[in-house]
PDB file of N, CA and C in Angstrom:
ATOM      1  N   MET A   1     -72.567 167.828 -14.973  1.00  0.00           N
ATOM      2  CA  MET A   1     -72.088 166.972 -15.993  1.00  0.00           C
ATOM      3  C   MET A   1     -71.142 165.992 -15.383  1.00  0.00           C
ATOM      4  N   ALA A   2     -70.488 166.335 -14.283  1.00  0.00           N
ATOM      5  CA  ALA A   2     -69.564 165.362 -13.505  1.00  0.00           C
ATOM      6  C   ALA A   2     -70.394 164.227 -12.953  1.00  0.00           C
ATOM      7  N   ALA A   3     -71.646 164.489 -12.580  1.00  0.00           N
ATOM      8  CA  ALA A   3     -72.441 163.523 -11.948  1.00  0.00           C
ATOM      9  C   ALA A   3     -72.928 162.440 -13.046  1.00  0.00           C
ATOM     10  N   LYS A   4     -73.042 162.945 -14.281  1.00  0.00           N
ATOM     11  CA  LYS A   4     -73.417 162.062 -15.361  1.00  0.00           C
ATOM     12  C   LYS A   4     -72.347 161.014 -15.762  1.00  0.00           C
ATOM     13  N   LYS A   5     -71.064 161.558 -15.731  1.00  0.00           N
ATOM     14  CA  LYS A   5     -69.872 160.780 -15.928  1.00  0.00           C
ATOM     15  C   LYS A   5     -69.676 159.709 -14.860  1.00  0.00           C
ATOM     16  N   LYS A   6     -69.915 160.037 -13.544  1.00  0.00           N
ATOM     17  CA  LYS A   6     -69.753 159.091 -12.416  1.00  0.00           C
ATOM     18  C   LYS A   6     -70.688 158.063 -12.600  1.00  0.00           C
ATOM     19  N   THR A   7     -71.989 158.338 -12.970  1.00  0.00           N
ATOM     20  CA  THR A   7     -73.049 157.298 -12.995  1.00  0.00           C
ATOM     21  C   THR A   7     -72.788 156.524 -14.215  1.00  0.00           C
ATOM     22  N   ALA A   8     -72.235 157.052 -15.234  1.00  0.00           N
ATOM     23  CA  ALA A   8     -71.930 156.168 -16.554  1.00  0.00           C
ATOM     24  C   ALA A   8     -70.768 155.317 -16.071  1.00  0.00           C
ATOM     25  N   LYS A   9     -69.761 155.678 -15.400  1.00  0.00           N
ATOM     26  CA  LYS A   9     -68.738 154.818 -15.021  1.00  0.00           C
ATOM     27  C   LYS A   9     -69.232 153.749 -14.131  1.00  0.00           C
ATOM     28  N   LYS A  10     -70.136 154.070 -13.076  1.00  0.00           N
ATOM     29  CA  LYS A  10     -70.570 153.067 -12.209  1.00  0.00           C
ATOM     30  C   LYS A  10     -71.400 151.957 -12.935  1.00  0.00           C
ATOM     31  N   SER A  11     -72.213 152.376 -13.823  1.00  0.00           N
ATOM     32  CA  SER A  11     -72.997 151.572 -14.570  1.00  0.00           C
ATOM     33  C   SER A  11     -72.141 150.634 -15.573  1.00  0.00           C
ATOM     34  N   ALA A  12     -71.059 151.143 -15.989  1.00  0.00           N
ATOM     35  CA  ALA A  12     -70.184 150.435 -16.909  1.00  0.00           C
ATOM     36  C   ALA A  12     -69.423 149.186 -16.050  1.00  0.00           C
ATOM     37  N   LYS A  13     -69.017 149.678 -14.752  1.00  0.00           N
ATOM     38  CA  LYS A  13     -68.396 148.753 -13.912  1.00  0.00           C
ATOM     39  C   LYS A  13     -69.327 147.606 -13.526  1.00  0.00           C
ATOM     40  N   LYS A  14     -70.561 147.963 -13.270  1.00  0.00           N
ATOM     41  CA  LYS A  14     -71.603 146.868 -12.746  1.00  0.00           C
ATOM     42  C   LYS A  14     -71.913 146.053 -14.037  1.00  0.00           C
ATOM     43  N   SER A  15     -72.081 146.467 -15.173  1.00  0.00           N
ATOM     44  CA  SER A  15     -72.324 145.622 -16.246  1.00  0.00           C
ATOM     45  C   SER A  15     -71.139 144.830 -16.657  1.00  0.00           C
ATOM     46  N   ALA A  16     -69.849 145.325 -16.362  1.00  0.00           N
ATOM     47  CA  ALA A  16     -68.678 144.473 -16.570  1.00  0.00           C
ATOM     48  C   ALA A  16     -68.731 143.377 -15.480  1.00  0.00           C
ATOM     49  N   LYS A  17     -69.021 143.660 -14.356  1.00  0.00           N
ATOM     50  CA  LYS A  17     -69.012 142.593 -13.284  1.00  0.00           C
ATOM     51  C   LYS A  17     -70.126 141.520 -13.580  1.00  0.00           C
ATOM     52  N   LYS A  18     -71.374 141.921 -14.027  1.00  0.00           N
ATOM     53  CA  LYS A  18     -72.419 140.983 -14.386  1.00  0.00           C
ATOM     54  C   LYS A  18     -71.927 140.075 -15.416  1.00  0.00           C
ATOM     55  N   SER A  19     -71.361 140.645 -16.537  1.00  0.00           N
ATOM     56  CA  SER A  19     -70.955 139.794 -17.611  1.00  0.00           C
ATOM     57  C   SER A  19     -69.797 138.783 -17.305  1.00  0.00           C
ATOM     58  N   ALA A  20     -68.933 139.245 -16.248  1.00  0.00           N
ATOM     59  CA  ALA A  20     -67.785 138.341 -15.875  1.00  0.00           C
ATOM     60  C   ALA A  20     -68.537 137.228 -14.970  1.00  0.00           C
ATOM     61  N   LYS A  21     -69.537 137.561 -14.204  1.00  0.00           N
ATOM     62  CA  LYS A  21     -70.186 136.522 -13.492  1.00  0.00           C
ATOM     63  C   LYS A  21     -70.855 135.513 -14.441  1.00  0.00           C
ATOM     64  N   LYS A  22     -71.544 136.013 -15.445  1.00  0.00           N
ATOM     65  CA  LYS A  22     -72.262 135.280 -16.467  1.00  0.00           C
ATOM     66  C   LYS A  22     -71.208 134.297 -17.196  1.00  0.00           C
ATOM     67  N   SER A  23     -70.185 134.804 -17.498  1.00  0.00           N
ATOM     68  CA  SER A  23     -69.214 134.041 -18.371  1.00  0.00           C
ATOM     69  C   SER A  23     -68.574 132.927 -17.356  1.00  0.00           C
ATOM     70  N   SER A  24     -68.422 133.305 -16.086  1.00  0.00           N
ATOM     71  CA  SER A  24     -67.778 132.244 -15.223  1.00  0.00           C
ATOM     72  C   SER A  24     -68.912 131.137 -14.968  1.00  0.00           C
ATOM     73  N   ALA A  25     -70.203 131.569 -14.977  1.00  0.00           N
ATOM     74  CA  ALA A  25     -71.178 130.712 -14.737  1.00  0.00           C
ATOM     75  C   ALA A  25     -71.381 129.675 -15.833  1.00  0.00           C
ATOM     76  N   ARG A  26     -71.101 130.264 -17.042  1.00  0.00           N
ATOM     77  CA  ARG A  26     -71.215 129.471 -18.279  1.00  0.00           C
ATOM     78  C   ARG A  26     -70.181 128.373 -18.404  1.00  0.00           C
ATOM     79  N   LYS A  27     -69.049 128.649 -17.820  1.00  0.00           N
ATOM     80  CA  LYS A  27     -67.796 127.736 -18.024  1.00  0.00           C
ATOM     81  C   LYS A  27     -67.911 126.669 -17.021  1.00  0.00           C
ATOM     82  N   ALA A  28     -68.532 126.767 -15.877  1.00  0.00           N
ATOM     83  CA  ALA A  28     -68.658 125.749 -14.799  1.00  0.00           C
ATOM     84  C   ALA A  28     -69.304 124.541 -15.291  1.00  0.00           C
ATOM     85  N   PRO A  29     -70.569 124.504 -16.021  1.00  0.00           N
ATOM     86  CA  PRO A  29     -71.175 123.338 -16.293  1.00  0.00           C
ATOM     87  C   PRO A  29     -70.353 122.600 -17.430  1.00  0.00           C
ATOM     88  N   LYS A  30     -69.605 123.304 -18.260  1.00  0.00           N
ATOM     89  CA  LYS A  30     -68.790 122.636 -19.276  1.00  0.00           C
ATOM     90  C   LYS A  30     -67.738 121.613 -18.613  1.00  0.00           C
ATOM     91  N   LYS A  31     -67.180 122.191 -17.560  1.00  0.00           N
ATOM     92  CA  LYS A  31     -66.172 121.304 -16.868  1.00  0.00           C
ATOM     93  C   LYS A  31     -66.735 120.158 -16.123  1.00  0.00           C
ATOM     94  N   ALA A  32     -68.109 120.302 -15.720  1.00  0.00           N
ATOM     95  CA  ALA A  32     -68.710 119.357 -14.856  1.00  0.00           C
ATOM     96  C   ALA A  32     -69.273 118.380 -15.982  1.00  0.00           C
ATOM     97  N   ALA A  33     -69.382 118.607 -17.247  1.00  0.00           N
ATOM     98  CA  ALA A  33     -70.016 117.662 -18.216  1.00  0.00           C
ATOM     99  C   ALA A  33     -68.941 116.693 -18.707  1.00  0.00           C
ATOM    100  N   LYS A  34     -67.717 116.856 -18.207  1.00  0.00           N
ATOM    101  CA  LYS A  34     -66.681 115.799 -18.767  1.00  0.00           C
ATOM    102  C   LYS A  34     -66.970 114.400 -18.298  1.00  0.00           C
ATOM    103  N   LYS A  35     -66.636 113.414 -19.166  1.00  0.00           N
ATOM    104  CA  LYS A  35     -66.978 112.073 -18.768  1.00  0.00           C
ATOM    105  C   LYS A  35     -65.978 111.502 -17.756  1.00  0.00           C
ATOM    106  N   SER A  36     -66.495 110.796 -16.811  1.00  0.00           N
ATOM    107  CA  SER A  36     -65.595 110.426 -15.616  1.00  0.00           C
ATOM    108  C   SER A  36     -64.941 109.027 -16.013  1.00  0.00           C
ATOM    109  N   GLY A  37     -65.433 108.508 -17.166  1.00  0.00           N
ATOM    110  CA  GLY A  37     -64.803 107.266 -17.591  1.00  0.00           C
ATOM    111  C   GLY A  37     -65.527 106.016 -16.792  1.00  0.00           C
ATOM    112  N   LYS A  38     -66.524 106.274 -16.106  1.00  0.00           N
ATOM    113  CA  LYS A  38     -67.212 105.169 -15.487  1.00  0.00           C
ATOM    114  C   LYS A  38     -68.282 104.641 -16.421  1.00  0.00           C
ATOM    115  N   LYS A  39     -68.511 103.339 -16.344  1.00  0.00           N
ATOM    116  CA  LYS A  39     -69.554 102.688 -17.299  1.00  0.00           C
ATOM    117  C   LYS A  39     -70.873 102.890 -16.651  1.00  0.00           C
ATOM    118  N   ARG A  40     -71.982 103.238 -17.373  1.00  0.00           N
ATOM    119  CA  ARG A  40     -73.271 103.477 -17.052  1.00  0.00           C
ATOM    120  C   ARG A  40     -73.930 102.171 -16.639  1.00  0.00           C
ATOM    121  N   VAL A  41     -74.548 102.101 -15.597  1.00  0.00           N
ATOM    122  CA  VAL A  41     -75.254 100.849 -15.213  1.00  0.00           C
ATOM    123  C   VAL A  41     -76.764 100.931 -15.559  1.00  0.00           C
ATOM    124  N   PRO A  42     -77.283 100.050 -16.279  1.00  0.00           N
ATOM    125  CA  PRO A  42     -78.751 100.195 -16.667  1.00  0.00           C
ATOM    126  C   PRO A  42     -79.671  99.906 -15.444  1.00  0.00           C
ATOM    127  N   SER A  43     -80.881 100.600 -15.611  1.00  0.00           N
ATOM    128  CA  SER A  43     -81.898 100.479 -14.496  1.00  0.00           C
ATOM    129  C   SER A  43     -82.293  99.199 -14.242  1.00  0.00           C
ATOM    130  N   ALA A  44     -82.595  98.650 -13.138  1.00  0.00           N
ATOM    131  CA  ALA A  44     -83.089  97.330 -12.835  1.00  0.00           C
ATOM    132  C   ALA A  44     -84.388  97.013 -13.444  1.00  0.00           C
ATOM    133  N   ALA A  45     -85.270  98.082 -13.726  1.00  0.00           N
ATOM    134  CA  ALA A  45     -86.526  97.915 -14.382  1.00  0.00           C
ATOM    135  C   ALA A  45     -86.391  97.477 -15.881  1.00  0.00           C
ATOM    136  N   PHE A  46     -85.282  97.980 -16.471  1.00  0.00           N
ATOM    137  CA  PHE A  46     -85.027  97.552 -17.924  1.00  0.00           C
ATOM    138  C   PHE A  46     -84.371  96.132 -17.889  1.00  0.00           C
ATOM    139  N   MET A  47     -83.774  95.680 -16.884  1.00  0.00           N
ATOM    140  CA  MET A  47     -83.104  94.467 -16.844  1.00  0.00           C
ATOM    141  C   MET A  47     -84.118  93.275 -16.294  1.00  0.00           C
ATOM    142  N   ARG A  48     -85.209  93.601 -15.818  1.00  0.00           N
ATOM    143  CA  ARG A  48     -86.109  92.567 -15.282  1.00  0.00           C
ATOM    144  C   ARG A  48     -86.627  91.790 -16.495  1.00  0.00           C
ATOM    145  N   PRO A  49     -86.572  90.511 -16.660  1.00  0.00           N
ATOM    146  CA  PRO A  49     -87.123  89.781 -17.705  1.00  0.00           C
ATOM    147  C   PRO A  49     -88.555  89.885 -17.996  1.00  0.00           C
ATOM    148  N   VAL A  50     -89.027  90.023 -19.086  1.00  0.00           N
ATOM    149  CA  VAL A  50     -90.469  90.117 -19.545  1.00  0.00           C
ATOM    150  C   VAL A  50     -90.732  88.920 -20.316  1.00  0.00           C
ATOM    151  N   GLN A  51     -91.925  88.469 -20.245  1.00  0.00           N
ATOM    152  CA  GLN A  51     -92.414  87.282 -21.060  1.00  0.00           C
ATOM    153  C   GLN A  51     -93.279  87.785 -22.212  1.00  0.00           C
ATOM    154  N   PRO A  52     -92.686  87.495 -23.472  1.00  0.00           N
ATOM    155  CA  PRO A  52     -93.511  87.871 -24.599  1.00  0.00           C
ATOM    156  C   PRO A  52     -94.654  86.957 -24.921  1.00  0.00           C
ATOM    157  N   ASP A  53     -95.846  87.388 -25.416  1.00  0.00           N
ATOM    158  CA  ASP A  53     -96.935  86.577 -25.720  1.00  0.00           C
ATOM    159  C   ASP A  53     -96.737  85.798 -26.933  1.00  0.00           C
ATOM    160  N   THR A  54     -97.633  85.008 -27.452  1.00  0.00           N
ATOM    161  CA  THR A  54     -97.497  84.267 -28.597  1.00  0.00           C
ATOM    162  C   THR A  54     -97.145  85.024 -29.839  1.00  0.00           C
ATOM    163  N   ALA A  55     -97.792  86.131 -30.040  1.00  0.00           N
ATOM    164  CA  ALA A  55     -97.533  86.985 -31.307  1.00  0.00           C
ATOM    165  C   ALA A  55     -96.174  87.444 -31.319  1.00  0.00           C
ATOM    166  N   LEU A  56     -95.691  87.926 -30.219  1.00  0.00           N
ATOM    167  CA  LEU A  56     -94.356  88.432 -30.225  1.00  0.00           C
ATOM    168  C   LEU A  56     -93.271  87.392 -30.132  1.00  0.00           C
ATOM    169  N   SER A  57     -93.598  86.239 -29.608  1.00  0.00           N
ATOM    170  CA  SER A  57     -92.632  85.176 -29.392  1.00  0.00           C
ATOM    171  C   SER A  57     -92.193  84.667 -30.733  1.00  0.00           C
ATOM    172  N   ALA A  58     -93.177  84.781 -31.814  1.00  0.00           N
ATOM    173  CA  ALA A  58     -92.767  84.424 -33.227  1.00  0.00           C
ATOM    174  C   ALA A  58     -91.571  85.162 -33.805  1.00  0.00           C
ATOM    175  N   VAL A  59     -91.350  86.430 -33.250  1.00  0.00           N
ATOM    176  CA  VAL A  59     -90.337  87.153 -33.692  1.00  0.00           C
ATOM    177  C   VAL A  59     -89.000  87.040 -32.856  1.00  0.00           C
ATOM    178  N   VAL A  60     -89.240  87.230 -31.496  1.00  0.00           N
ATOM    179  CA  VAL A  60     -88.032  87.385 -30.661  1.00  0.00           C
ATOM    180  C   VAL A  60     -87.799  86.059 -29.778  1.00  0.00           C
ATOM    181  N   GLY A  61     -88.573  85.133 -29.903  1.00  0.00           N
ATOM    182  CA  GLY A  61     -88.387  83.947 -29.071  1.00  0.00           C
ATOM    183  C   GLY A  61     -89.371  83.879 -27.862  1.00  0.00           C
ATOM    184  N   SER A  62     -89.567  82.614 -27.423  1.00  0.00           N
ATOM    185  CA  SER A  62     -90.580  82.405 -26.218  1.00  0.00           C
ATOM    186  C   SER A  62     -89.945  82.624 -24.870  1.00  0.00           C
ATOM    187  N   SER A  63     -88.625  82.687 -24.640  1.00  0.00           N
ATOM    188  CA  SER A  63     -88.150  82.736 -23.391  1.00  0.00           C
ATOM    189  C   SER A  63     -88.161  84.068 -22.793  1.00  0.00           C
ATOM    190  N   PRO A  64     -88.329  84.257 -21.468  1.00  0.00           N
ATOM    191  CA  PRO A  64     -88.314  85.516 -20.829  1.00  0.00           C
ATOM    192  C   PRO A  64     -86.938  86.209 -21.060  1.00  0.00           C
ATOM    193  N   ILE A  65     -86.923  87.560 -21.517  1.00  0.00           N
ATOM    194  CA  ILE A  65     -85.721  88.197 -21.761  1.00  0.00           C
ATOM    195  C   ILE A  65     -85.945  89.660 -21.277  1.00  0.00           C
ATOM    196  N   PRO A  66     -84.845  90.367 -21.002  1.00  0.00           N
ATOM    197  CA  PRO A  66     -84.950  91.773 -20.544  1.00  0.00           C
ATOM    198  C   PRO A  66     -85.548  92.672 -21.681  1.00  0.00           C
ATOM    199  N   ARG A  67     -86.168  93.794 -21.231  1.00  0.00           N
ATOM    200  CA  ARG A  67     -86.706  94.711 -22.285  1.00  0.00           C
ATOM    201  C   ARG A  67     -85.605  95.101 -23.312  1.00  0.00           C
ATOM    202  N   THR A  68     -84.391  95.456 -22.769  1.00  0.00           N
ATOM    203  CA  THR A  68     -83.364  95.865 -23.708  1.00  0.00           C
ATOM    204  C   THR A  68     -83.053  94.936 -24.857  1.00  0.00           C
ATOM    205  N   GLU A  69     -83.027  93.611 -24.437  1.00  0.00           N
ATOM    206  CA  GLU A  69     -82.671  92.571 -25.349  1.00  0.00           C
ATOM    207  C   GLU A  69     -83.851  92.359 -26.239  1.00  0.00           C
ATOM    208  N   LEU A  70     -85.023  92.411 -25.801  1.00  0.00           N
ATOM    209  CA  LEU A  70     -86.211  92.305 -26.588  1.00  0.00           C
ATOM    210  C   LEU A  70     -86.202  93.384 -27.764  1.00  0.00           C
ATOM    211  N   THR A  71     -85.833  94.686 -27.395  1.00  0.00           N
ATOM    212  CA  THR A  71     -85.734  95.631 -28.480  1.00  0.00           C
ATOM    213  C   THR A  71     -84.604  95.218 -29.454  1.00  0.00           C
ATOM    214  N   LYS A  72     -83.431  94.743 -29.024  1.00  0.00           N
ATOM    215  CA  LYS A  72     -82.436  94.440 -29.844  1.00  0.00           C
ATOM    216  C   LYS A  72     -82.714  93.383 -30.798  1.00  0.00           C
ATOM    217  N   LYS A  73     -83.507  92.351 -30.218  1.00  0.00           N
ATOM    218  CA  LYS A  73     -83.877  91.277 -31.235  1.00  0.00           C
ATOM    219  C   LYS A  73     -84.862  91.710 -32.213  1.00  0.00           C
ATOM    220  N   LEU A  74     -85.807  92.559 -31.793  1.00  0.00           N
ATOM    221  CA  LEU A  74     -86.752  93.059 -32.681  1.00  0.00           C
ATOM    222  C   LEU A  74     -86.084  93.855 -33.779  1.00  0.00           C
ATOM    223  N   TRP A  75     -85.208  94.735 -33.468  1.00  0.00           N
ATOM    224  CA  TRP A  75     -84.489  95.537 -34.559  1.00  0.00           C
ATOM    225  C   TRP A  75     -83.603  94.634 -35.365  1.00  0.00           C
ATOM    226  N   GLN A  76     -83.030  93.546 -34.768  1.00  0.00           N
ATOM    227  CA  GLN A  76     -82.327  92.575 -35.661  1.00  0.00           C
ATOM    228  C   GLN A  76     -83.283  92.039 -36.683  1.00  0.00           C
ATOM    229  N   TYR A  77     -84.401  91.566 -36.207  1.00  0.00           N
ATOM    230  CA  TYR A  77     -85.469  91.028 -37.113  1.00  0.00           C
ATOM    231  C   TYR A  77     -85.800  91.916 -38.236  1.00  0.00           C
ATOM    232  N   ILE A  78     -86.179  93.258 -37.884  1.00  0.00           N
ATOM    233  CA  ILE A  78     -86.516  94.175 -38.923  1.00  0.00           C
ATOM    234  C   ILE A  78     -85.446  94.395 -39.863  1.00  0.00           C
ATOM    235  N   LYS A  79     -84.103  94.554 -39.440  1.00  0.00           N
ATOM    236  CA  LYS A  79     -83.057  94.839 -40.549  1.00  0.00           C
ATOM    237  C   LYS A  79     -82.772  93.564 -41.222  1.00  0.00           C
ATOM    238  N   ARG A  80     -82.749  92.514 -40.654  1.00  0.00           N
ATOM    239  CA  ARG A  80     -82.369  91.157 -41.353  1.00  0.00           C
ATOM    240  C   ARG A  80     -83.391  90.950 -42.569  1.00  0.00           C
ATOM    241  N   ASN A  81     -84.718  91.258 -42.238  1.00  0.00           N
ATOM    242  CA  ASN A  81     -85.839  91.003 -43.298  1.00  0.00           C
ATOM    243  C   ASN A  81     -86.032  92.321 -44.139  1.00  0.00           C
ATOM    244  N   GLY A  82     -85.316  93.364 -43.969  1.00  0.00           N
ATOM    245  CA  GLY A  82     -85.438  94.609 -44.772  1.00  0.00           C
ATOM    246  C   GLY A  82     -86.829  95.220 -44.592  1.00  0.00           C
ATOM    247  N   LEU A  83     -87.371  95.309 -43.338  1.00  0.00           N
ATOM    248  CA  LEU A  83     -88.647  95.927 -43.190  1.00  0.00           C
ATOM    249  C   LEU A  83     -88.713  97.388 -42.977  1.00  0.00           C
ATOM    250  N   GLN A  84     -87.504  97.855 -42.888  1.00  0.00           N
ATOM    251  CA  GLN A  84     -87.506  99.527 -42.538  1.00  0.00           C
ATOM    252  C   GLN A  84     -87.840 100.113 -43.948  1.00  0.00           C
ATOM    253  N   ASP A  85     -88.807 101.043 -43.996  1.00  0.00           N
ATOM    254  CA  ASP A  85     -89.115 101.634 -45.351  1.00  0.00           C
ATOM    255  C   ASP A  85     -88.026 102.398 -45.844  1.00  0.00           C
ATOM    256  N   SER A  86     -87.841 102.174 -47.180  1.00  0.00           N
ATOM    257  CA  SER A  86     -86.619 102.721 -47.836  1.00  0.00           C
ATOM    258  C   SER A  86     -86.703 104.358 -48.112  1.00  0.00           C
ATOM    259  N   LYS A  87     -87.922 104.845 -48.236  1.00  0.00           N
ATOM    260  CA  LYS A  87     -88.142 106.277 -48.390  1.00  0.00           C
ATOM    261  C   LYS A  87     -88.260 106.969 -47.106  1.00  0.00           C
ATOM    262  N   ASN A  88     -89.059 106.473 -46.173  1.00  0.00           N
ATOM    263  CA  ASN A  88     -89.209 107.090 -44.797  1.00  0.00           C
ATOM    264  C   ASN A  88     -88.571 106.096 -43.828  1.00  0.00           C
ATOM    265  N   ARG A  89     -87.291 106.310 -43.383  1.00  0.00           N
ATOM    266  CA  ARG A  89     -86.667 105.278 -42.494  1.00  0.00           C
ATOM    267  C   ARG A  89     -87.353 105.234 -41.092  1.00  0.00           C
ATOM    268  N   ARG A  90     -88.220 106.170 -40.731  1.00  0.00           N
ATOM    269  CA  ARG A  90     -88.895 106.072 -39.437  1.00  0.00           C
ATOM    270  C   ARG A  90     -90.014 105.009 -39.460  1.00  0.00           C
ATOM    271  N   ASN A  91     -90.444 104.603 -40.646  1.00  0.00           N
ATOM    272  CA  ASN A  91     -91.584 103.629 -40.743  1.00  0.00           C
ATOM    273  C   ASN A  91     -91.031 102.248 -40.830  1.00  0.00           C
ATOM    274  N   ILE A  92     -91.794 101.349 -40.118  1.00  0.00           N
ATOM    275  CA  ILE A  92     -91.510 100.024 -40.332  1.00  0.00           C
ATOM    276  C   ILE A  92     -92.585  99.202 -41.001  1.00  0.00           C
ATOM    277  N   ASN A  93     -92.337  98.564 -42.058  1.00  0.00           N
ATOM    278  CA  ASN A  93     -93.399  97.758 -42.789  1.00  0.00           C
ATOM    279  C   ASN A  93     -93.532  96.273 -42.070  1.00  0.00           C
ATOM    280  N   ALA A  94     -94.762  95.890 -41.908  1.00  0.00           N
ATOM    281  CA  ALA A  94     -95.069  94.700 -41.218  1.00  0.00           C
ATOM    282  C   ALA A  94     -95.155  93.441 -42.171  1.00  0.00           C
ATOM    283  N   ASP A  95     -94.455  92.400 -41.633  1.00  0.00           N
ATOM    284  CA  ASP A  95     -94.617  91.138 -42.512  1.00  0.00           C
ATOM    285  C   ASP A  95     -95.613  90.384 -41.859  1.00  0.00           C
ATOM    286  N   ASP A  96     -95.795  89.077 -42.189  1.00  0.00           N
ATOM    287  CA  ASP A  96     -96.800  88.234 -41.620  1.00  0.00           C
ATOM    288  C   ASP A  96     -96.572  87.974 -40.192  1.00  0.00           C
ATOM    289  N   LYS A  97     -95.339  87.863 -39.721  1.00  0.00           N
ATOM    290  CA  LYS A  97     -95.078  87.765 -38.256  1.00  0.00           C
ATOM    291  C   LYS A  97     -95.335  89.048 -37.393  1.00  0.00           C
ATOM    292  N   LEU A  98     -95.017  90.227 -37.963  1.00  0.00           N
ATOM    293  CA  LEU A  98     -95.160  91.356 -37.234  1.00  0.00           C
ATOM    294  C   LEU A  98     -96.550  92.012 -37.373  1.00  0.00           C
ATOM    295  N   ARG A  99     -97.382  91.668 -38.250  1.00  0.00           N
ATOM    296  CA  ARG A  99     -98.577  92.305 -38.407  1.00  0.00           C
ATOM    297  C   ARG A  99     -99.517  92.034 -37.128  1.00  0.00           C
ATOM    298  N   PRO A 100     -99.666  90.848 -36.528  1.00  0.00           N
ATOM    299  CA  PRO A 100    -100.337  90.767 -35.202  1.00  0.00           C
ATOM    300  C   PRO A 100     -99.810  91.598 -34.091  1.00  0.00           C
ATOM    301  N   VAL A 101     -98.517  91.740 -34.014  1.00  0.00           N
ATOM    302  CA  VAL A 101     -97.865  92.606 -33.059  1.00  0.00           C
ATOM    303  C   VAL A 101     -98.234  93.986 -33.212  1.00  0.00           C
ATOM    304  N   PHE A 102     -98.315  94.488 -34.461  1.00  0.00           N
ATOM    305  CA  PHE A 102     -98.711  95.911 -34.834  1.00  0.00           C
ATOM    306  C   PHE A 102    -100.219  96.192 -34.864  1.00  0.00           C
ATOM    307  N   GLY A 103    -100.960  95.219 -34.433  1.00  0.00           N
ATOM    308  CA  GLY A 103    -102.337  95.423 -34.260  1.00  0.00           C
ATOM    309  C   GLY A 103    -103.193  95.276 -35.610  1.00  0.00           C
ATOM    310  N   GLY A 104    -102.526  94.535 -36.612  1.00  0.00           N
ATOM    311  CA  GLY A 104    -103.140  94.488 -37.912  1.00  0.00           C
ATOM    312  C   GLY A 104    -102.795  95.477 -38.929  1.00  0.00           C
ATOM    313  N   ARG A 105    -101.999  96.361 -38.392  1.00  0.00           N
ATOM    314  CA  ARG A 105    -101.481  97.485 -39.381  1.00  0.00           C
ATOM    315  C   ARG A 105    -100.359  97.031 -40.213  1.00  0.00           C
ATOM    316  N   SER A 106    -100.298  97.524 -41.418  1.00  0.00           N
ATOM    317  CA  SER A 106     -99.185  97.076 -42.310  1.00  0.00           C
ATOM    318  C   SER A 106     -97.862  97.964 -42.216  1.00  0.00           C
ATOM    319  N   GLN A 107     -98.131  99.194 -41.589  1.00  0.00           N
ATOM    320  CA  GLN A 107     -96.986 100.011 -41.305  1.00  0.00           C
ATOM    321  C   GLN A 107     -97.155 100.842 -40.122  1.00  0.00           C
ATOM    322  N   VAL A 108     -96.084 100.984 -39.316  1.00  0.00           N
ATOM    323  CA  VAL A 108     -95.991 101.774 -38.156  1.00  0.00           C
ATOM    324  C   VAL A 108     -94.754 102.529 -38.170  1.00  0.00           C
ATOM    325  N   THR A 109     -94.863 103.638 -37.328  1.00  0.00           N
ATOM    326  CA  THR A 109     -93.598 104.472 -37.146  1.00  0.00           C
ATOM    327  C   THR A 109     -92.793 103.686 -35.931  1.00  0.00           C
ATOM    328  N   MET A 110     -91.459 103.887 -35.848  1.00  0.00           N
ATOM    329  CA  MET A 110     -90.696 103.351 -34.757  1.00  0.00           C
ATOM    330  C   MET A 110     -91.137 103.788 -33.471  1.00  0.00           C
ATOM    331  N   PHE A 111     -91.724 104.925 -33.298  1.00  0.00           N
ATOM    332  CA  PHE A 111     -92.256 105.441 -32.046  1.00  0.00           C
ATOM    333  C   PHE A 111     -93.456 104.623 -31.668  1.00  0.00           C
ATOM    334  N   ASP A 112     -94.462 104.463 -32.606  1.00  0.00           N
ATOM    335  CA  ASP A 112     -95.491 103.637 -32.324  1.00  0.00           C
ATOM    336  C   ASP A 112     -95.271 102.213 -32.021  1.00  0.00           C
ATOM    337  N   MET A 113     -94.174 101.662 -32.685  1.00  0.00           N
ATOM    338  CA  MET A 113     -93.837 100.351 -32.484  1.00  0.00           C
ATOM    339  C   MET A 113     -93.627 100.038 -31.131  1.00  0.00           C
ATOM    340  N   THR A 114     -92.828 100.766 -30.338  1.00  0.00           N
ATOM    341  CA  THR A 114     -92.509 100.458 -28.954  1.00  0.00           C
ATOM    342  C   THR A 114     -93.746 100.443 -28.049  1.00  0.00           C
ATOM    343  N   LYS A 115     -94.801 101.341 -28.465  1.00  0.00           N
ATOM    344  CA  LYS A 115     -96.024 101.376 -27.710  1.00  0.00           C
ATOM    345  C   LYS A 115     -96.697 100.139 -27.915  1.00  0.00           C
ATOM    346  N   LEU A 116     -96.794  99.635 -29.116  1.00  0.00           N
ATOM    347  CA  LEU A 116     -97.490  98.363 -29.505  1.00  0.00           C
ATOM    348  C   LEU A 116     -96.857  97.115 -29.010  1.00  0.00           C
ATOM    349  N   VAL A 117     -95.592  97.081 -29.034  1.00  0.00           N
ATOM    350  CA  VAL A 117     -94.789  95.981 -28.497  1.00  0.00           C
ATOM    351  C   VAL A 117     -95.039  95.840 -26.956  1.00  0.00           C
ATOM    352  N   ASN A 118     -95.137  96.899 -26.262  1.00  0.00           N
ATOM    353  CA  ASN A 118     -95.469  96.909 -24.736  1.00  0.00           C
ATOM    354  C   ASN A 118     -96.676  96.172 -24.500  1.00  0.00           C
ATOM    355  N   LYS A 119     -97.759  96.163 -25.237  1.00  0.00           N
ATOM    356  CA  LYS A 119     -98.905  95.518 -25.073  1.00  0.00           C
ATOM    357  C   LYS A 119     -98.768  93.981 -25.174  1.00  0.00           C
ATOM    358  N   HIS A 120     -97.680  93.505 -25.726  1.00  0.00           N
ATOM    359  CA  HIS A 120     -97.496  92.123 -25.917  1.00  0.00           C
ATOM    360  C   HIS A 120     -96.526  91.482 -24.962  1.00  0.00           C
ATOM    361  N   VAL A 121     -96.170  92.184 -23.929  1.00  0.00           N
ATOM    362  CA  VAL A 121     -95.213  91.694 -22.865  1.00  0.00           C
ATOM    363  C   VAL A 121     -95.930  91.633 -21.643  1.00  0.00           C
ATOM    364  N   SER A 122     -95.541  90.774 -20.662  1.00  0.00           N
ATOM    365  CA  SER A 122     -96.126  90.685 -19.324  1.00  0.00           C
ATOM    366  C   SER A 122     -94.929  90.552 -18.242  1.00  0.00           C
TER     367      SER A 122
END
């Protein structure tokens, strides 16, 4: 019976050590996740100017602009003209200028929109 008590105590100590290690391991990433206050620098690939084709230039302009600015201008156009679907906000309704960009479709999701817009830049 004494042997059972010793093994029970040893296993209790081992499990206490393991849980202490786990809890200390969990705390470390939280400390590392604090913001350092540095401003994030965008990737050079996003900042490289792209040239919109004729269909897309009717919406965002014909001058070469970075991809990030192209997306901003596209969303400004969508919001200014009220093209976001009122029931399902993920859908974008196409008007006469956006229909050629969307490949003739009258409605696309915002995720499909980025894929379709990429076909119209070089």
